[in-house]
PDB file of all heavy atoms in Angstrom:
ATOM      1  N   PHE A   1     121.143-145.552 118.540  1.00  0.00           N
ATOM      2  CA  PHE A   1     121.684-146.072 117.331  1.00  0.00           C
ATOM      3  C   PHE A   1     121.234-145.225 116.108  1.00  0.00           C
ATOM      4  O   PHE A   1     120.170-144.650 116.127  1.00  0.00           O
ATOM      5  CB  PHE A   1     121.170-147.490 117.092  1.00  0.00           C
ATOM      6  CG  PHE A   1     121.702-148.551 117.964  1.00  0.00           C
ATOM      7  CD1 PHE A   1     122.394-148.249 119.133  1.00  0.00           C
ATOM      8  CD2 PHE A   1     121.497-149.891 117.699  1.00  0.00           C
ATOM      9  CE1 PHE A   1     122.916-149.212 120.014  1.00  0.00           C
ATOM     10  CE2 PHE A   1     121.957-150.866 118.554  1.00  0.00           C
ATOM     11  CZ  PHE A   1     122.658-150.562 119.687  1.00  0.00           C
ATOM     12  N   ILE A   2     122.142-145.118 115.121  1.00  0.00           N
ATOM     13  CA  ILE A   2     121.820-144.405 113.879  1.00  0.00           C
ATOM     14  C   ILE A   2     122.218-145.282 112.689  1.00  0.00           C
ATOM     15  O   ILE A   2     123.345-145.715 112.549  1.00  0.00           O
ATOM     16  CB  ILE A   2     122.542-143.110 113.830  1.00  0.00           C
ATOM     17  CG1 ILE A   2     122.214-142.182 115.045  1.00  0.00           C
ATOM     18  CG2 ILE A   2     122.262-142.352 112.516  1.00  0.00           C
ATOM     19  CD1 ILE A   2     123.113-140.940 115.097  1.00  0.00           C
ATOM     20  N   ILE A   3     121.209-145.525 111.823  1.00  0.00           N
ATOM     21  CA  ILE A   3     121.460-146.216 110.544  1.00  0.00           C
ATOM     22  C   ILE A   3     121.662-145.161 109.506  1.00  0.00           C
ATOM     23  O   ILE A   3     120.953-144.175 109.410  1.00  0.00           O
ATOM     24  CB  ILE A   3     120.329-147.202 110.261  1.00  0.00           C
ATOM     25  CG1 ILE A   3     120.723-148.052 109.043  1.00  0.00           C
ATOM     26  CG2 ILE A   3     118.980-146.472 110.074  1.00  0.00           C
ATOM     27  CD1 ILE A   3     119.707-149.192 108.803  1.00  0.00           C
ATOM     28  N   SER A   4     122.637-145.462 108.560  1.00  0.00           N
ATOM     29  CA  SER A   4     122.841-144.532 107.468  1.00  0.00           C
ATOM     30  C   SER A   4     123.382-145.394 106.294  1.00  0.00           C
ATOM     31  O   SER A   4     123.786-146.522 106.496  1.00  0.00           O
ATOM     32  CB  SER A   4     123.851-143.441 107.865  1.00  0.00           C
ATOM     33  OG  SER A   4     125.064-143.965 108.199  1.00  0.00           O
ATOM     34  N   ARG A   5     123.414-144.790 105.125  1.00  0.00           N
ATOM     35  CA  ARG A   5     123.957-145.482 103.982  1.00  0.00           C
ATOM     36  C   ARG A   5     124.694-144.497 103.063  1.00  0.00           C
ATOM     37  O   ARG A   5     124.396-143.314 103.028  1.00  0.00           O
ATOM     38  CB  ARG A   5     122.837-146.193 103.248  1.00  0.00           C
ATOM     39  CG  ARG A   5     121.852-145.308 102.549  1.00  0.00           C
ATOM     40  CD  ARG A   5     120.654-146.112 102.032  1.00  0.00           C
ATOM     41  NE  ARG A   5     121.010-147.090 101.001  1.00  0.00           N
ATOM     42  CZ  ARG A   5     120.237-148.105 100.665  1.00  0.00           C
ATOM     43  NH1 ARG A   5     119.068-148.289 101.262  1.00  0.00           N
ATOM     44  NH2 ARG A   5     120.646-148.922  99.700  1.00  0.00           N
ATOM     45  N   ASP A   6     125.601-145.079 102.343  1.00  0.00           N
ATOM     46  CA  ASP A   6     126.341-144.272 101.303  1.00  0.00           C
ATOM     47  C   ASP A   6     126.236-145.139 100.035  1.00  0.00           C
ATOM     48  O   ASP A   6     126.983-146.101  99.843  1.00  0.00           O
ATOM     49  CB  ASP A   6     127.811-144.118 101.728  1.00  0.00           C
ATOM     50  CG  ASP A   6     128.606-143.248 100.772  1.00  0.00           C
ATOM     51  OD1 ASP A   6     128.168-143.110  99.606  1.00  0.00           O
ATOM     52  OD2 ASP A   6     129.627-142.653 101.170  1.00  0.00           O
ATOM     53  N   ASN A   7     125.333-144.723  99.181  1.00  0.00           N
ATOM     54  CA  ASN A   7     125.073-145.529  97.940  1.00  0.00           C
ATOM     55  C   ASN A   7     126.236-145.465  97.001  1.00  0.00           C
ATOM     56  O   ASN A   7     126.435-146.376  96.229  1.00  0.00           O
ATOM     57  CB  ASN A   7     123.787-145.051  97.312  1.00  0.00           C
ATOM     58  CG  ASN A   7     122.555-145.499  98.050  1.00  0.00           C
ATOM     59  OD1 ASN A   7     122.600-146.414  98.876  1.00  0.00           O
ATOM     60  ND2 ASN A   7     121.437-144.878  97.759  1.00  0.00           N
ATOM     61  N   ALA A   8     127.072-144.451  97.074  1.00  0.00           N
ATOM     62  CA  ALA A   8     128.235-144.358  96.189  1.00  0.00           C
ATOM     63  C   ALA A   8     129.290-145.397  96.596  1.00  0.00           C
ATOM     64  O   ALA A   8     130.063-145.840  95.803  1.00  0.00           O
ATOM     65  CB  ALA A   8     128.809-142.964  96.291  1.00  0.00           C
ATOM     66  N   LYS A   9     129.253-145.771  97.892  1.00  0.00           N
ATOM     67  CA  LYS A   9     130.205-146.773  98.416  1.00  0.00           C
ATOM     68  C   LYS A   9     129.582-148.144  98.621  1.00  0.00           C
ATOM     69  O   LYS A   9     130.204-149.038  99.115  1.00  0.00           O
ATOM     70  CB  LYS A   9     130.819-146.284  99.735  1.00  0.00           C
ATOM     71  CG  LYS A   9     131.673-145.019  99.594  1.00  0.00           C
ATOM     72  CD  LYS A   9     132.285-144.632 100.899  1.00  0.00           C
ATOM     73  CE  LYS A   9     133.201-143.387 100.769  1.00  0.00           C
ATOM     74  NZ  LYS A   9     133.770-142.977 102.071  1.00  0.00           N
ATOM     75  N   ASN A  10     128.292-148.244  98.237  1.00  0.00           N
ATOM     76  CA  ASN A  10     127.621-149.558  98.457  1.00  0.00           C
ATOM     77  C   ASN A  10     127.716-150.031  99.912  1.00  0.00           C
ATOM     78  O   ASN A  10     127.966-151.226 100.118  1.00  0.00           O
ATOM     79  CB  ASN A  10     128.140-150.643  97.525  1.00  0.00           C
ATOM     80  CG  ASN A  10     127.594-150.500  96.114  1.00  0.00           C
ATOM     81  OD1 ASN A  10     126.988-149.513  95.748  1.00  0.00           O
ATOM     82  ND2 ASN A  10     127.815-151.500  95.283  1.00  0.00           N
ATOM     83  N   THR A  11     127.564-149.132 100.829  1.00  0.00           N
ATOM     84  CA  THR A  11     127.758-149.472 102.226  1.00  0.00           C
ATOM     85  C   THR A  11     126.658-148.890 103.117  1.00  0.00           C
ATOM     86  O   THR A  11     126.210-147.808 102.897  1.00  0.00           O
ATOM     87  CB  THR A  11     129.095-148.967 102.731  1.00  0.00           C
ATOM     88  OG1 THR A  11     130.181-149.482 101.911  1.00  0.00           O
ATOM     89  CG2 THR A  11     129.379-149.363 104.167  1.00  0.00           C
ATOM     90  N   VAL A  12     126.244-149.688 104.091  1.00  0.00           N
ATOM     91  CA  VAL A  12     125.255-149.224 105.103  1.00  0.00           C
ATOM     92  C   VAL A  12     125.933-149.326 106.448  1.00  0.00           C
ATOM     93  O   VAL A  12     126.796-150.231 106.620  1.00  0.00           O
ATOM     94  CB  VAL A  12     123.975-150.062 105.074  1.00  0.00           C
ATOM     95  CG1 VAL A  12     124.227-151.522 105.379  1.00  0.00           C
ATOM     96  CG2 VAL A  12     123.007-149.482 106.029  1.00  0.00           C
ATOM     97  N   TYR A  13     125.638-148.383 107.324  1.00  0.00           N
ATOM     98  CA  TYR A  13     126.348-148.325 108.584  1.00  0.00           C
ATOM     99  C   TYR A  13     125.303-148.374 109.750  1.00  0.00           C
ATOM    100  O   TYR A  13     124.138-148.048 109.563  1.00  0.00           O
ATOM    101  CB  TYR A  13     127.063-146.978 108.735  1.00  0.00           C
ATOM    102  CG  TYR A  13     128.080-146.695 107.628  1.00  0.00           C
ATOM    103  CD1 TYR A  13     127.702-145.902 106.512  1.00  0.00           C
ATOM    104  CD2 TYR A  13     129.351-147.225 107.682  1.00  0.00           C
ATOM    105  CE1 TYR A  13     128.583-145.689 105.460  1.00  0.00           C
ATOM    106  CE2 TYR A  13     130.248-147.003 106.653  1.00  0.00           C
ATOM    107  CZ  TYR A  13     129.875-146.217 105.574  1.00  0.00           C
ATOM    108  OH  TYR A  13     130.742-145.966 104.567  1.00  0.00           O
ATOM    109  N   LEU A  14     125.788-148.790 110.910  1.00  0.00           N
ATOM    110  CA  LEU A  14     124.990-148.728 112.113  1.00  0.00           C
ATOM    111  C   LEU A  14     125.907-148.141 113.217  1.00  0.00           C
ATOM    112  O   LEU A  14     126.812-148.824 113.677  1.00  0.00           O
ATOM    113  CB  LEU A  14     124.480-150.118 112.554  1.00  0.00           C
ATOM    114  CG  LEU A  14     123.529-150.029 113.746  1.00  0.00           C
ATOM    115  CD1 LEU A  14     122.214-149.332 113.347  1.00  0.00           C
ATOM    116  CD2 LEU A  14     123.212-151.425 114.263  1.00  0.00           C
ATOM    117  N   GLN A  15     125.711-146.885 113.549  1.00  0.00           N
ATOM    118  CA  GLN A  15     126.412-146.243 114.620  1.00  0.00           C
ATOM    119  C   GLN A  15     125.702-146.551 115.896  1.00  0.00           C
ATOM    120  O   GLN A  15     124.517-146.259 116.100  1.00  0.00           O
ATOM    121  CB  GLN A  15     126.509-144.741 114.422  1.00  0.00           C
ATOM    122  CG  GLN A  15     127.214-143.988 115.517  1.00  0.00           C
ATOM    123  CD  GLN A  15     128.701-144.341 115.640  1.00  0.00           C
ATOM    124  OE1 GLN A  15     129.416-144.358 114.599  1.00  0.00           O
ATOM    125  NE2 GLN A  15     129.140-144.456 116.837  1.00  0.00           N
ATOM    126  N   MET A  16     126.409-147.260 116.876  1.00  0.00           N
ATOM    127  CA  MET A  16     125.823-147.619 118.092  1.00  0.00           C
ATOM    128  C   MET A  16     126.506-146.899 119.252  1.00  0.00           C
ATOM    129  O   MET A  16     127.673-147.059 119.454  1.00  0.00           O
ATOM    130  CB  MET A  16     126.011-149.151 118.284  1.00  0.00           C
ATOM    131  CG  MET A  16     125.413-149.938 117.113  1.00  0.00           C
ATOM    132  SD  MET A  16     125.456-151.725 117.405  1.00  0.00           S
ATOM    133  CE  MET A  16     127.208-152.004 117.463  1.00  0.00           C
ATOM    134  N   ASN A  17     125.725-146.080 119.938  1.00  0.00           N
ATOM    135  CA  ASN A  17     126.220-145.292 121.055  1.00  0.00           C
ATOM    136  C   ASN A  17     125.538-145.735 122.381  1.00  0.00           C
ATOM    137  O   ASN A  17     124.504-146.400 122.326  1.00  0.00           O
ATOM    138  CB  ASN A  17     125.946-143.820 120.857  1.00  0.00           C
ATOM    139  CG  ASN A  17     126.609-143.318 119.513  1.00  0.00           C
ATOM    140  OD1 ASN A  17     127.739-143.664 119.246  1.00  0.00           O
ATOM    141  ND2 ASN A  17     125.879-142.472 118.822  1.00  0.00           N
ATOM    142  N   SER A  18     126.151-145.356 123.485  1.00  0.00           N
ATOM    143  CA  SER A  18     125.597-145.704 124.813  1.00  0.00           C
ATOM    144  C   SER A  18     125.219-147.143 124.871  1.00  0.00           C
ATOM    145  O   SER A  18     124.094-147.540 125.297  1.00  0.00           O
ATOM    146  CB  SER A  18     124.371-144.811 125.073  1.00  0.00           C
ATOM    147  OG  SER A  18     124.684-143.439 125.037  1.00  0.00           O
ATOM    148  N   LEU A  19     126.104-147.986 124.514  1.00  0.00           N
ATOM    149  CA  LEU A  19     125.866-149.432 124.438  1.00  0.00           C
ATOM    150  C   LEU A  19     125.571-150.021 125.771  1.00  0.00           C
ATOM    151  O   LEU A  19     126.162-149.563 126.791  1.00  0.00           O
ATOM    152  CB  LEU A  19     126.994-150.140 123.743  1.00  0.00           C
ATOM    153  CG  LEU A  19     126.989-150.020 122.239  1.00  0.00           C
ATOM    154  CD1 LEU A  19     128.361-150.382 121.633  1.00  0.00           C
ATOM    155  CD2 LEU A  19     125.943-150.914 121.579  1.00  0.00           C
ATOM    156  N   LYS A  20     124.706-150.975 125.857  1.00  0.00           N
ATOM    157  CA  LYS A  20     124.319-151.667 127.082  1.00  0.00           C
ATOM    158  C   LYS A  20     124.595-153.160 126.940  1.00  0.00           C
ATOM    159  O   LYS A  20     124.644-153.676 125.800  1.00  0.00           O
ATOM    160  CB  LYS A  20     122.815-151.481 127.311  1.00  0.00           C
ATOM    161  CG  LYS A  20     122.342-150.021 127.329  1.00  0.00           C
ATOM    162  CD  LYS A  20     120.816-149.955 127.471  1.00  0.00           C
ATOM    163  CE  LYS A  20     120.342-148.467 127.487  1.00  0.00           C
ATOM    164  NZ  LYS A  20     118.923-148.406 127.597  1.00  0.00           N
ATOM    165  N   PRO A  21     124.775-153.859 128.076  1.00  0.00           N
ATOM    166  CA  PRO A  21     125.014-155.295 127.984  1.00  0.00           C
ATOM    167  C   PRO A  21     123.942-156.037 127.177  1.00  0.00           C
ATOM    168  O   PRO A  21     124.225-157.038 126.505  1.00  0.00           O
ATOM    169  CB  PRO A  21     125.042-155.727 129.455  1.00  0.00           C
ATOM    170  CG  PRO A  21     125.532-154.545 130.160  1.00  0.00           C
ATOM    171  CD  PRO A  21     124.933-153.384 129.428  1.00  0.00           C
ATOM    172  N   GLU A  22     122.707-155.600 127.268  1.00  0.00           N
ATOM    173  CA  GLU A  22     121.633-156.265 126.518  1.00  0.00           C
ATOM    174  C   GLU A  22     121.684-156.026 125.031  1.00  0.00           C
ATOM    175  O   GLU A  22     120.934-156.647 124.286  1.00  0.00           O
ATOM    176  CB  GLU A  22     120.250-155.814 127.078  1.00  0.00           C
ATOM    177  CG  GLU A  22     120.058-154.329 127.144  1.00  0.00           C
ATOM    178  CD  GLU A  22     120.335-153.736 128.518  1.00  0.00           C
ATOM    179  OE1 GLU A  22     121.375-154.135 129.163  1.00  0.00           O
ATOM    180  OE2 GLU A  22     119.580-152.855 128.965  1.00  0.00           O
ATOM    181  N   ASP A  23     122.613-155.201 124.558  1.00  0.00           N
ATOM    182  CA  ASP A  23     122.844-155.071 123.136  1.00  0.00           C
ATOM    183  C   ASP A  23     123.775-156.189 122.600  1.00  0.00           C
ATOM    184  O   ASP A  23     123.967-156.299 121.354  1.00  0.00           O
ATOM    185  CB  ASP A  23     123.497-153.743 122.779  1.00  0.00           C
ATOM    186  CG  ASP A  23     122.556-152.552 123.106  1.00  0.00           C
ATOM    187  OD1 ASP A  23     121.364-152.637 122.768  1.00  0.00           O
ATOM    188  OD2 ASP A  23     123.015-151.512 123.657  1.00  0.00           O
ATOM    189  N   THR A  24     124.317-156.952 123.481  1.00  0.00           N
ATOM    190  CA  THR A  24     125.221-158.104 123.062  1.00  0.00           C
ATOM    191  C   THR A  24     124.465-159.051 122.166  1.00  0.00           C
ATOM    192  O   THR A  24     123.382-159.591 122.523  1.00  0.00           O
ATOM    193  CB  THR A  24     125.734-158.787 124.275  1.00  0.00           C
ATOM    194  OG1 THR A  24     126.586-157.916 125.032  1.00  0.00           O
ATOM    195  CG2 THR A  24     126.558-160.021 123.876  1.00  0.00           C
ATOM    196  N   ALA A  25     124.977-159.285 120.984  1.00  0.00           N
ATOM    197  CA  ALA A  25     124.363-160.199 120.015  1.00  0.00           C
ATOM    198  C   ALA A  25     125.278-160.291 118.791  1.00  0.00           C
ATOM    199  O   ALA A  25     126.219-159.537 118.619  1.00  0.00           O
ATOM    200  CB  ALA A  25     123.024-159.659 119.609  1.00  0.00           C
ATOM    201  N   VAL A  26     124.908-161.179 117.900  1.00  0.00           N
ATOM    202  CA  VAL A  26     125.461-161.170 116.548  1.00  0.00           C
ATOM    203  C   VAL A  26     124.576-160.241 115.685  1.00  0.00           C
ATOM    204  O   VAL A  26     123.333-160.403 115.689  1.00  0.00           O
ATOM    205  CB  VAL A  26     125.530-162.594 115.917  1.00  0.00           C
ATOM    206  CG1 VAL A  26     125.985-162.499 114.491  1.00  0.00           C
ATOM    207  CG2 VAL A  26     126.346-163.508 116.721  1.00  0.00           C
ATOM    208  N   TYR A  27     125.184-159.300 115.055  1.00  0.00           N
ATOM    209  CA  TYR A  27     124.487-158.310 114.236  1.00  0.00           C
ATOM    210  C   TYR A  27     124.565-158.677 112.770  1.00  0.00           C
ATOM    211  O   TYR A  27     125.718-158.934 112.258  1.00  0.00           O
ATOM    212  CB  TYR A  27     124.995-156.903 114.481  1.00  0.00           C
ATOM    213  CG  TYR A  27     124.548-156.352 115.800  1.00  0.00           C
ATOM    214  CD1 TYR A  27     124.970-156.809 116.992  1.00  0.00           C
ATOM    215  CD2 TYR A  27     123.589-155.291 115.794  1.00  0.00           C
ATOM    216  CE1 TYR A  27     124.527-156.316 118.222  1.00  0.00           C
ATOM    217  CE2 TYR A  27     123.118-154.772 117.005  1.00  0.00           C
ATOM    218  CZ  TYR A  27     123.579-155.289 118.196  1.00  0.00           C
ATOM    219  OH  TYR A  27     123.151-154.818 119.395  1.00  0.00           O
ATOM    220  N   TYR A  28     123.430-158.672 112.075  1.00  0.00           N
ATOM    221  CA  TYR A  28     123.335-159.041 110.660  1.00  0.00           C
ATOM    222  C   TYR A  28     122.827-157.846 109.872  1.00  0.00           C
ATOM    223  O   TYR A  28     121.890-157.217 110.312  1.00  0.00           O
ATOM    224  CB  TYR A  28     122.438-160.177 110.452  1.00  0.00           C
ATOM    225  CG  TYR A  28     122.838-161.524 111.161  1.00  0.00           C
ATOM    226  CD1 TYR A  28     122.392-161.747 112.414  1.00  0.00           C
ATOM    227  CD2 TYR A  28     123.641-162.434 110.494  1.00  0.00           C
ATOM    228  CE1 TYR A  28     122.774-162.934 113.066  1.00  0.00           C
ATOM    229  CE2 TYR A  28     123.969-163.608 111.133  1.00  0.00           C
ATOM    230  CZ  TYR A  28     123.541-163.829 112.392  1.00  0.00           C
ATOM    231  OH  TYR A  28     123.940-165.013 113.031  1.00  0.00           O
ATOM    232  N   CYS A  29     123.387-157.663 108.699  1.00  0.00           N
ATOM    233  CA  CYS A  29     122.719-156.677 107.768  1.00  0.00           C
ATOM    234  C   CYS A  29     122.018-157.509 106.696  1.00  0.00           C
ATOM    235  O   CYS A  29     122.324-158.671 106.474  1.00  0.00           O
ATOM    236  CB  CYS A  29     123.676-155.743 107.112  1.00  0.00           C
ATOM    237  SG  CYS A  29     124.776-156.390 105.901  1.00  0.00           S
ATOM    238  N   ALA A  30     120.973-156.875 106.150  1.00  0.00           N
ATOM    239  CA  ALA A  30     120.114-157.571 105.241  1.00  0.00           C
ATOM    240  C   ALA A  30     119.626-156.612 104.171  1.00  0.00           C
ATOM    241  O   ALA A  30     119.485-155.405 104.416  1.00  0.00           O
ATOM    242  CB  ALA A  30     118.909-158.240 105.920  1.00  0.00           C
ATOM    243  N   ALA A  31     119.347-157.145 102.938  1.00  0.00           N
ATOM    244  CA  ALA A  31     118.866-156.370 101.842  1.00  0.00           C
ATOM    245  C   ALA A  31     117.516-156.865 101.403  1.00  0.00           C
ATOM    246  O   ALA A  31     117.355-158.056 101.201  1.00  0.00           O
ATOM    247  CB  ALA A  31     119.851-156.303 100.735  1.00  0.00           C
ATOM    248  N   GLY A  32     116.543-155.958 101.169  1.00  0.00           N
ATOM    249  CA  GLY A  32     115.246-156.337 100.639  1.00  0.00           C
ATOM    250  C   GLY A  32     114.879-155.331  99.576  1.00  0.00           C
ATOM    251  O   GLY A  32     115.553-154.330  99.350  1.00  0.00           O
TER     252      GLY A  32
END
């Protein structure tokens, strides 16, 4: 997985590769 952000677009990304069945879940983003 790779997390990245584009502050000009107010967006954060999570690139998920080589996914496995155990990655199954609801994914949430959060700000602190």
